[in-house]
PDB file of N, CA and C in Angstrom:
ATOM      1  N   MET A   1       5.605  -6.622   4.651  1.00  0.00           N
ATOM      2  CA  MET A   1       4.177  -6.490   4.566  1.00  0.00           C
ATOM      3  C   MET A   1       3.817  -5.014   4.682  1.00  0.00           C
ATOM      4  N   ILE A   2       2.902  -4.575   3.851  1.00  0.00           N
ATOM      5  CA  ILE A   2       2.407  -3.200   3.909  1.00  0.00           C
ATOM      6  C   ILE A   2       0.966  -3.237   4.408  1.00  0.00           C
ATOM      7  N   GLU A   3       0.718  -2.575   5.526  1.00  0.00           N
ATOM      8  CA  GLU A   3      -0.603  -2.546   6.144  1.00  0.00           C
ATOM      9  C   GLU A   3      -1.334  -1.231   5.872  1.00  0.00           C
ATOM     10  N   ASP A   4      -0.928  -0.484   4.867  1.00  0.00           N
ATOM     11  CA  ASP A   4      -1.518   0.817   4.569  1.00  0.00           C
ATOM     12  C   ASP A   4      -2.957   0.633   4.094  1.00  0.00           C
ATOM     13  N   TRP A   5      -3.914   1.176   4.850  1.00  0.00           N
ATOM     14  CA  TRP A   5      -5.322   0.986   4.502  1.00  0.00           C
ATOM     15  C   TRP A   5      -5.673   1.650   3.179  1.00  0.00           C
ATOM     16  N   GLU A   6      -4.994   2.737   2.836  1.00  0.00           N
ATOM     17  CA  GLU A   6      -5.276   3.406   1.571  1.00  0.00           C
ATOM     18  C   GLU A   6      -4.904   2.519   0.385  1.00  0.00           C
ATOM     19  N   LEU A   7      -3.837   1.739   0.529  1.00  0.00           N
ATOM     20  CA  LEU A   7      -3.455   0.792  -0.515  1.00  0.00           C
ATOM     21  C   LEU A   7      -4.522  -0.290  -0.666  1.00  0.00           C
ATOM     22  N   GLY A   8      -5.089  -0.716   0.458  1.00  0.00           N
ATOM     23  CA  GLY A   8      -6.175  -1.699   0.433  1.00  0.00           C
ATOM     24  C   GLY A   8      -7.423  -1.157  -0.229  1.00  0.00           C
ATOM     25  N   VAL A   9      -7.756   0.096   0.067  1.00  0.00           N
ATOM     26  CA  VAL A   9      -8.927   0.725  -0.541  1.00  0.00           C
ATOM     27  C   VAL A   9      -8.712   0.886  -2.040  1.00  0.00           C
ATOM     28  N   LEU A  10      -7.506   1.271  -2.437  1.00  0.00           N
ATOM     29  CA  LEU A  10      -7.190   1.380  -3.859  1.00  0.00           C
ATOM     30  C   LEU A  10      -7.407   0.035  -4.554  1.00  0.00           C
ATOM     31  N   PHE A  11      -6.955  -1.040  -3.912  1.00  0.00           N
ATOM     32  CA  PHE A  11      -7.142  -2.374  -4.485  1.00  0.00           C
ATOM     33  C   PHE A  11      -8.635  -2.694  -4.650  1.00  0.00           C
ATOM     34  N   LEU A  12      -9.437  -2.417  -3.619  1.00  0.00           N
ATOM     35  CA  LEU A  12     -10.875  -2.706  -3.705  1.00  0.00           C
ATOM     36  C   LEU A  12     -11.543  -1.895  -4.815  1.00  0.00           C
ATOM     37  N   LYS A  13     -11.184  -0.615  -4.921  1.00  0.00           N
ATOM     38  CA  LYS A  13     -11.770   0.224  -5.975  1.00  0.00           C
ATOM     39  C   LYS A  13     -11.343  -0.231  -7.363  1.00  0.00           C
ATOM     40  N   GLU A  14     -10.091  -0.618  -7.496  1.00  0.00           N
ATOM     41  CA  GLU A  14      -9.611  -1.087  -8.797  1.00  0.00           C
ATOM     42  C   GLU A  14     -10.232  -2.438  -9.156  1.00  0.00           C
ATOM     43  N   THR A  15     -10.461  -3.287  -8.172  1.00  0.00           N
ATOM     44  CA  THR A  15     -11.135  -4.562  -8.429  1.00  0.00           C
ATOM     45  C   THR A  15     -12.541  -4.311  -8.954  1.00  0.00           C
ATOM     46  N   GLU A  16     -13.235  -3.368  -8.334  1.00  0.00           N
ATOM     47  CA  GLU A  16     -14.584  -3.032  -8.782  1.00  0.00           C
ATOM     48  C   GLU A  16     -14.557  -2.410 -10.177  1.00  0.00           C
ATOM     49  N   ARG A  17     -13.616  -1.507 -10.406  1.00  0.00           N
ATOM     50  CA  ARG A  17     -13.534  -0.807 -11.695  1.00  0.00           C
ATOM     51  C   ARG A  17     -13.136  -1.745 -12.827  1.00  0.00           C
ATOM     52  N   LEU A  18     -12.161  -2.617 -12.567  1.00  0.00           N
ATOM     53  CA  LEU A  18     -11.626  -3.482 -13.617  1.00  0.00           C
ATOM     54  C   LEU A  18     -12.318  -4.836 -13.704  1.00  0.00           C
ATOM     55  N   GLY A  19     -13.014  -5.229 -12.626  1.00  0.00           N
ATOM     56  CA  GLY A  19     -13.740  -6.497 -12.640  1.00  0.00           C
ATOM     57  C   GLY A  19     -12.865  -7.726 -12.472  1.00  0.00           C
ATOM     58  N   SER A  20     -11.614  -7.544 -12.066  1.00  0.00           N
ATOM     59  CA  SER A  20     -10.693  -8.667 -11.935  1.00  0.00           C
ATOM     60  C   SER A  20      -9.661  -8.363 -10.855  1.00  0.00           C
ATOM     61  N   GLU A  21      -9.487  -9.297  -9.917  1.00  0.00           N
ATOM     62  CA  GLU A  21      -8.470  -9.099  -8.881  1.00  0.00           C
ATOM     63  C   GLU A  21      -7.071  -9.082  -9.477  1.00  0.00           C
ATOM     64  N   LYS A  22      -6.845  -9.918 -10.489  1.00  0.00           N
ATOM     65  CA  LYS A  22      -5.528  -9.970 -11.134  1.00  0.00           C
ATOM     66  C   LYS A  22      -5.190  -8.618 -11.773  1.00  0.00           C
ATOM     67  N   ASP A  23      -6.143  -8.040 -12.491  1.00  0.00           N
ATOM     68  CA  ASP A  23      -5.924  -6.728 -13.113  1.00  0.00           C
ATOM     69  C   ASP A  23      -5.770  -5.635 -12.056  1.00  0.00           C
ATOM     70  N   ALA A  24      -6.524  -5.753 -10.965  1.00  0.00           N
ATOM     71  CA  ALA A  24      -6.426  -4.773  -9.879  1.00  0.00           C
ATOM     72  C   ALA A  24      -5.046  -4.825  -9.232  1.00  0.00           C
ATOM     73  N   ILE A  25      -4.506  -6.016  -9.041  1.00  0.00           N
ATOM     74  CA  ILE A  25      -3.162  -6.157  -8.466  1.00  0.00           C
ATOM     75  C   ILE A  25      -2.141  -5.460  -9.350  1.00  0.00           C
ATOM     76  N   GLU A  26      -2.221  -5.658 -10.636  1.00  0.00           N
ATOM     77  CA  GLU A  26      -1.281  -5.012 -11.566  1.00  0.00           C
ATOM     78  C   GLU A  26      -1.443  -3.494 -11.551  1.00  0.00           C
ATOM     79  N   SER A  27      -2.690  -3.023 -11.490  1.00  0.00           N
ATOM     80  CA  SER A  27      -2.943  -1.589 -11.460  1.00  0.00           C
ATOM     81  C   SER A  27      -2.371  -0.956 -10.191  1.00  0.00           C
ATOM     82  N   VAL A  28      -2.596  -1.592  -9.043  1.00  0.00           N
ATOM     83  CA  VAL A  28      -2.077  -1.078  -7.771  1.00  0.00           C
ATOM     84  C   VAL A  28      -0.550  -1.110  -7.772  1.00  0.00           C
ATOM     85  N   LYS A  29       0.004  -2.181  -8.286  1.00  0.00           N
ATOM     86  CA  LYS A  29       1.466  -2.301  -8.366  1.00  0.00           C
ATOM     87  C   LYS A  29       2.045  -1.184  -9.231  1.00  0.00           C
ATOM     88  N   ASN A  30       1.449  -0.950 -10.380  1.00  0.00           N
ATOM     89  CA  ASN A  30       1.926   0.115 -11.268  1.00  0.00           C
ATOM     90  C   ASN A  30       1.762   1.493 -10.632  1.00  0.00           C
ATOM     91  N   THR A  31       0.638   1.717  -9.956  1.00  0.00           N
ATOM     92  CA  THR A  31       0.424   3.001  -9.278  1.00  0.00           C
ATOM     93  C   THR A  31       1.483   3.209  -8.203  1.00  0.00           C
ATOM     94  N   PHE A  32       1.727   2.175  -7.402  1.00  0.00           N
ATOM     95  CA  PHE A  32       2.682   2.286  -6.313  1.00  0.00           C
ATOM     96  C   PHE A  32       4.093   2.532  -6.840  1.00  0.00           C
ATOM     97  N   LEU A  33       4.501   1.776  -7.836  1.00  0.00           N
ATOM     98  CA  LEU A  33       5.872   1.893  -8.342  1.00  0.00           C
ATOM     99  C   LEU A  33       6.091   3.113  -9.222  1.00  0.00           C
ATOM    100  N   ASN A  34       5.103   3.473 -10.025  1.00  0.00           N
ATOM    101  CA  ASN A  34       5.285   4.555 -10.993  1.00  0.00           C
ATOM    102  C   ASN A  34       4.808   5.922 -10.510  1.00  0.00           C
ATOM    103  N   ARG A  35       4.005   5.966  -9.453  1.00  0.00           N
ATOM    104  CA  ARG A  35       3.502   7.249  -8.975  1.00  0.00           C
ATOM    105  C   ARG A  35       4.043   7.597  -7.590  1.00  0.00           C
ATOM    106  N   ILE A  36       4.063   6.640  -6.696  1.00  0.00           N
ATOM    107  CA  ILE A  36       4.448   6.901  -5.312  1.00  0.00           C
ATOM    108  C   ILE A  36       5.939   6.696  -5.078  1.00  0.00           C
ATOM    109  N   PHE A  37       6.520   5.710  -5.702  1.00  0.00           N
ATOM    110  CA  PHE A  37       7.907   5.343  -5.410  1.00  0.00           C
ATOM    111  C   PHE A  37       8.848   5.700  -6.555  1.00  0.00           C
ATOM    112  N   ARG A  38       8.645   6.882  -7.133  1.00  0.00           N
ATOM    113  CA  ARG A  38       9.528   7.349  -8.206  1.00  0.00           C
ATOM    114  C   ARG A  38      10.742   8.034  -7.608  1.00  0.00           C
ATOM    115  N   LYS A  39      11.780   8.160  -8.422  1.00  0.00           N
ATOM    116  CA  LYS A  39      13.018   8.799  -7.962  1.00  0.00           C
ATOM    117  C   LYS A  39      12.818  10.264  -7.599  1.00  0.00           C
ATOM    118  N   ASP A  40      11.878  10.941  -8.253  1.00  0.00           N
ATOM    119  CA  ASP A  40      11.678  12.357  -7.978  1.00  0.00           C
ATOM    120  C   ASP A  40      10.737  12.622  -6.801  1.00  0.00           C
ATOM    121  N   LYS A  41      10.267  11.579  -6.139  1.00  0.00           N
ATOM    122  CA  LYS A  41       9.416  11.717  -4.956  1.00  0.00           C
ATOM    123  C   LYS A  41      10.262  11.513  -3.703  1.00  0.00           C
ATOM    124  N   ASP A  42       9.842  12.134  -2.633  1.00  0.00           N
ATOM    125  CA  ASP A  42      10.507  11.975  -1.340  1.00  0.00           C
ATOM    126  C   ASP A  42       9.643  11.026  -0.509  1.00  0.00           C
ATOM    127  N   THR A  43       9.704   9.736  -0.842  1.00  0.00           N
ATOM    128  CA  THR A  43       8.835   8.736  -0.230  1.00  0.00           C
ATOM    129  C   THR A  43       9.378   8.296   1.117  1.00  0.00           C
ATOM    130  N   HIS A  44       8.465   8.206   2.086  1.00  0.00           N
ATOM    131  CA  HIS A  44       8.806   7.728   3.420  1.00  0.00           C
ATOM    132  C   HIS A  44       7.887   6.568   3.785  1.00  0.00           C
ATOM    133  N   PHE A  45       8.429   5.610   4.486  1.00  0.00           N
ATOM    134  CA  PHE A  45       7.643   4.492   4.998  1.00  0.00           C
ATOM    135  C   PHE A  45       7.546   4.633   6.506  1.00  0.00           C
ATOM    136  N   PHE A  46       6.353   4.497   7.033  1.00  0.00           N
ATOM    137  CA  PHE A  46       6.127   4.571   8.466  1.00  0.00           C
ATOM    138  C   PHE A  46       5.985   3.152   9.001  1.00  0.00           C
ATOM    139  N   MET A  47       6.886   2.802   9.889  1.00  0.00           N
ATOM    140  CA  MET A  47       6.979   1.441  10.407  1.00  0.00           C
ATOM    141  C   MET A  47       6.285   1.334  11.760  1.00  0.00           C
ATOM    142  N   GLY A  48       5.828   0.132  12.077  1.00  0.00           N
ATOM    143  CA  GLY A  48       5.226  -0.115  13.376  1.00  0.00           C
ATOM    144  C   GLY A  48       4.632  -1.508  13.431  1.00  0.00           C
ATOM    145  N   THR A  49       3.963  -1.783  14.536  1.00  0.00           N
ATOM    146  CA  THR A  49       3.226  -3.034  14.701  1.00  0.00           C
ATOM    147  C   THR A  49       1.759  -2.686  14.880  1.00  0.00           C
ATOM    148  N   CYS A  50       0.907  -3.662  14.856  1.00  0.00           N
ATOM    149  CA  CYS A  50      -0.526  -3.424  15.010  1.00  0.00           C
ATOM    150  C   CYS A  50      -0.975  -3.709  16.441  1.00  0.00           C
ATOM    151  N   PHE A  51      -0.173  -3.349  17.415  1.00  0.00           N
ATOM    152  CA  PHE A  51      -0.519  -3.528  18.815  1.00  0.00           C
ATOM    153  C   PHE A  51      -1.711  -2.639  19.140  1.00  0.00           C
ATOM    154  N   PRO A  52      -2.710  -3.026  19.892  1.00  0.00           N
ATOM    155  CA  PRO A  52      -2.780  -4.248  20.684  1.00  0.00           C
ATOM    156  C   PRO A  52      -3.366  -5.428  19.944  1.00  0.00           C
ATOM    157  N   ARG A  53      -3.862  -5.227  18.724  1.00  0.00           N
ATOM    158  CA  ARG A  53      -4.445  -6.361  17.991  1.00  0.00           C
ATOM    159  C   ARG A  53      -3.383  -7.360  17.586  1.00  0.00           C
ATOM    160  N   ASN A  54      -2.169  -6.885  17.346  1.00  0.00           N
ATOM    161  CA  ASN A  54      -1.042  -7.745  17.013  1.00  0.00           C
ATOM    162  C   ASN A  54      -1.340  -8.627  15.804  1.00  0.00           C
ATOM    163  N   THR A  55      -1.914  -8.028  14.772  1.00  0.00           N
ATOM    164  CA  THR A  55      -2.329  -8.793  13.597  1.00  0.00           C
ATOM    165  C   THR A  55      -1.162  -9.280  12.752  1.00  0.00           C
ATOM    166  N   MET A  56       0.034  -8.760  13.007  1.00  0.00           N
ATOM    167  CA  MET A  56       1.187  -9.206  12.230  1.00  0.00           C
ATOM    168  C   MET A  56       2.073 -10.141  13.046  1.00  0.00           C
ATOM    169  N   GLY A  57       1.538 -10.711  14.099  1.00  0.00           N
ATOM    170  CA  GLY A  57       2.306 -11.669  14.891  1.00  0.00           C
ATOM    171  C   GLY A  57       3.480 -11.035  15.620  1.00  0.00           C
ATOM    172  N   GLY A  58       3.368  -9.764  15.971  1.00  0.00           N
ATOM    173  CA  GLY A  58       4.440  -9.092  16.691  1.00  0.00           C
ATOM    174  C   GLY A  58       5.574  -8.603  15.805  1.00  0.00           C
ATOM    175  N   ARG A  59       5.467  -8.808  14.506  1.00  0.00           N
ATOM    176  CA  ARG A  59       6.498  -8.353  13.577  1.00  0.00           C
ATOM    177  C   ARG A  59       6.263  -6.919  13.166  1.00  0.00           C
ATOM    178  N   TRP A  60       7.336  -6.269  12.832  1.00  0.00           N
ATOM    179  CA  TRP A  60       7.252  -4.906  12.314  1.00  0.00           C
ATOM    180  C   TRP A  60       6.884  -4.951  10.847  1.00  0.00           C
ATOM    181  N   GLY A  61       6.148  -3.946  10.414  1.00  0.00           N
ATOM    182  CA  GLY A  61       5.782  -3.849   9.013  1.00  0.00           C
ATOM    183  C   GLY A  61       5.582  -2.402   8.619  1.00  0.00           C
ATOM    184  N   ILE A  62       5.321  -2.185   7.351  1.00  0.00           N
ATOM    185  CA  ILE A  62       5.057  -0.844   6.848  1.00  0.00           C
ATOM    186  C   ILE A  62       3.579  -0.549   7.092  1.00  0.00           C
ATOM    187  N   LEU A  63       3.311   0.457   7.913  1.00  0.00           N
ATOM    188  CA  LEU A  63       1.930   0.827   8.218  1.00  0.00           C
ATOM    189  C   LEU A  63       1.386   1.853   7.234  1.00  0.00           C
ATOM    190  N   SER A  64       2.302   2.618   6.623  1.00  0.00           N
ATOM    191  CA  SER A  64       1.862   3.640   5.689  1.00  0.00           C
ATOM    192  C   SER A  64       3.036   4.096   4.826  1.00  0.00           C
ATOM    193  N   ALA A  65       2.726   4.605   3.678  1.00  0.00           N
ATOM    194  CA  ALA A  65       3.734   5.207   2.797  1.00  0.00           C
ATOM    195  C   ALA A  65       3.245   6.598   2.444  1.00  0.00           C
ATOM    196  N   ALA A  66       4.126   7.559   2.506  1.00  0.00           N
ATOM    197  CA  ALA A  66       3.770   8.932   2.173  1.00  0.00           C
ATOM    198  C   ALA A  66       4.857   9.518   1.281  1.00  0.00           C
ATOM    199  N   TYR A  67       4.462  10.447   0.422  1.00  0.00           N
ATOM    200  CA  TYR A  67       5.421  11.078  -0.470  1.00  0.00           C
ATOM    201  C   TYR A  67       5.086  12.544  -0.655  1.00  0.00           C
ATOM    202  N   ARG A  68       6.083  13.285  -1.040  1.00  0.00           N
ATOM    203  CA  ARG A  68       5.900  14.698  -1.320  1.00  0.00           C
ATOM    204  C   ARG A  68       5.727  14.882  -2.826  1.00  0.00           C
ATOM    205  N   SER A  69       4.682  15.584  -3.221  1.00  0.00           N
ATOM    206  CA  SER A  69       4.408  15.804  -4.650  1.00  0.00           C
ATOM    207  C   SER A  69       5.394  16.769  -5.248  1.00  0.00           C
TER     208      SER A  69
END
Protein backbone atom coordinates (compact mmCIF):
# COMPACT_ATOMS: atom_id res chain seq x y z
CA MET A 1 0.00 0.00 0.00
CA ILE A 2 1.25 3.48 -0.84
CA GLU A 3 0.04 6.21 1.52
CA ASP A 4 1.79 9.08 -0.30
CA TRP A 5 -0.56 12.07 -0.13
CA GLU A 6 0.95 13.59 -3.27
CA LEU A 7 -0.07 10.48 -5.22
CA GLY A 8 -3.60 10.92 -3.86
CA VAL A 9 -3.68 14.58 -4.87
CA LEU A 10 -2.44 13.66 -8.35
CA PHE A 11 -5.30 11.16 -8.62
CA LEU A 12 -7.89 13.78 -7.56
CA LYS A 13 -6.53 16.35 -10.03
CA GLU A 14 -6.43 13.83 -12.86
CA THR A 15 -9.99 12.72 -12.06
CA GLU A 16 -11.12 16.32 -12.32
CA ARG A 17 -9.10 16.95 -15.50
CA LEU A 18 -10.10 13.74 -17.28
CA GLY A 19 -13.62 13.38 -15.89
CA SER A 20 -13.19 9.66 -15.19
CA GLU A 21 -11.72 7.73 -12.26
CA LYS A 22 -10.72 4.91 -14.62
CA ASP A 23 -8.77 7.31 -16.86
CA ALA A 24 -7.26 9.00 -13.80
CA ILE A 25 -6.02 5.64 -12.48
CA GLU A 26 -4.29 4.93 -15.80
CA SER A 27 -2.78 8.42 -15.90
CA VAL A 28 -1.41 8.14 -12.34
CA LYS A 29 -0.10 4.65 -13.06
CA ASN A 30 1.68 5.85 -16.20
CA THR A 31 3.10 8.89 -14.39
CA PHE A 32 4.37 6.75 -11.53
CA LEU A 33 5.92 4.06 -13.72
CA ASN A 34 7.23 6.21 -16.57
CA ARG A 35 8.33 9.34 -14.70
CA ILE A 36 9.10 8.44 -11.09
CA PHE A 37 10.17 4.80 -11.27
CA ARG A 38 12.41 4.85 -14.35
CA LYS A 39 15.79 3.16 -14.47
CA ASP A 40 17.59 6.50 -14.73
CA LYS A 41 15.99 7.82 -11.52
CA ASP A 42 17.31 7.20 -8.03
CA THR A 43 13.92 6.37 -6.51
CA HIS A 44 13.56 5.77 -2.78
CA PHE A 45 10.55 4.55 -0.84
CA PHE A 46 10.03 5.79 2.70
CA MET A 47 8.45 3.12 4.87
CA GLY A 48 6.49 3.46 8.08
CA THR A 49 3.14 3.08 9.81
CA CYS A 50 0.45 5.67 10.40
CA PHE A 51 0.81 5.64 14.19
CA PRO A 52 -0.98 6.90 16.27
CA ARG A 53 -3.96 6.75 13.90
CA ASN A 54 -2.90 3.26 12.83
CA THR A 55 -4.92 3.52 9.62
CA MET A 56 -3.10 0.57 8.07
CA GLY A 57 -3.92 -1.86 10.87
CA GLY A 58 -0.39 -1.77 12.27
CA ARG A 59 1.14 -2.88 8.97
CA TRP A 60 4.08 -1.21 7.34
CA GLY A 61 3.54 0.56 4.06
CA ILE A 62 5.08 3.05 1.68
CA LEU A 63 4.46 6.52 3.09
CA SER A 64 6.24 8.38 0.32
CA ALA A 65 8.30 7.96 -2.83
CA ALA A 66 11.05 10.35 -3.80
CA TYR A 67 13.43 10.48 -6.74
CA ARG A 68 16.36 12.47 -7.95
CA SER A 69 15.84 14.29 -11.26
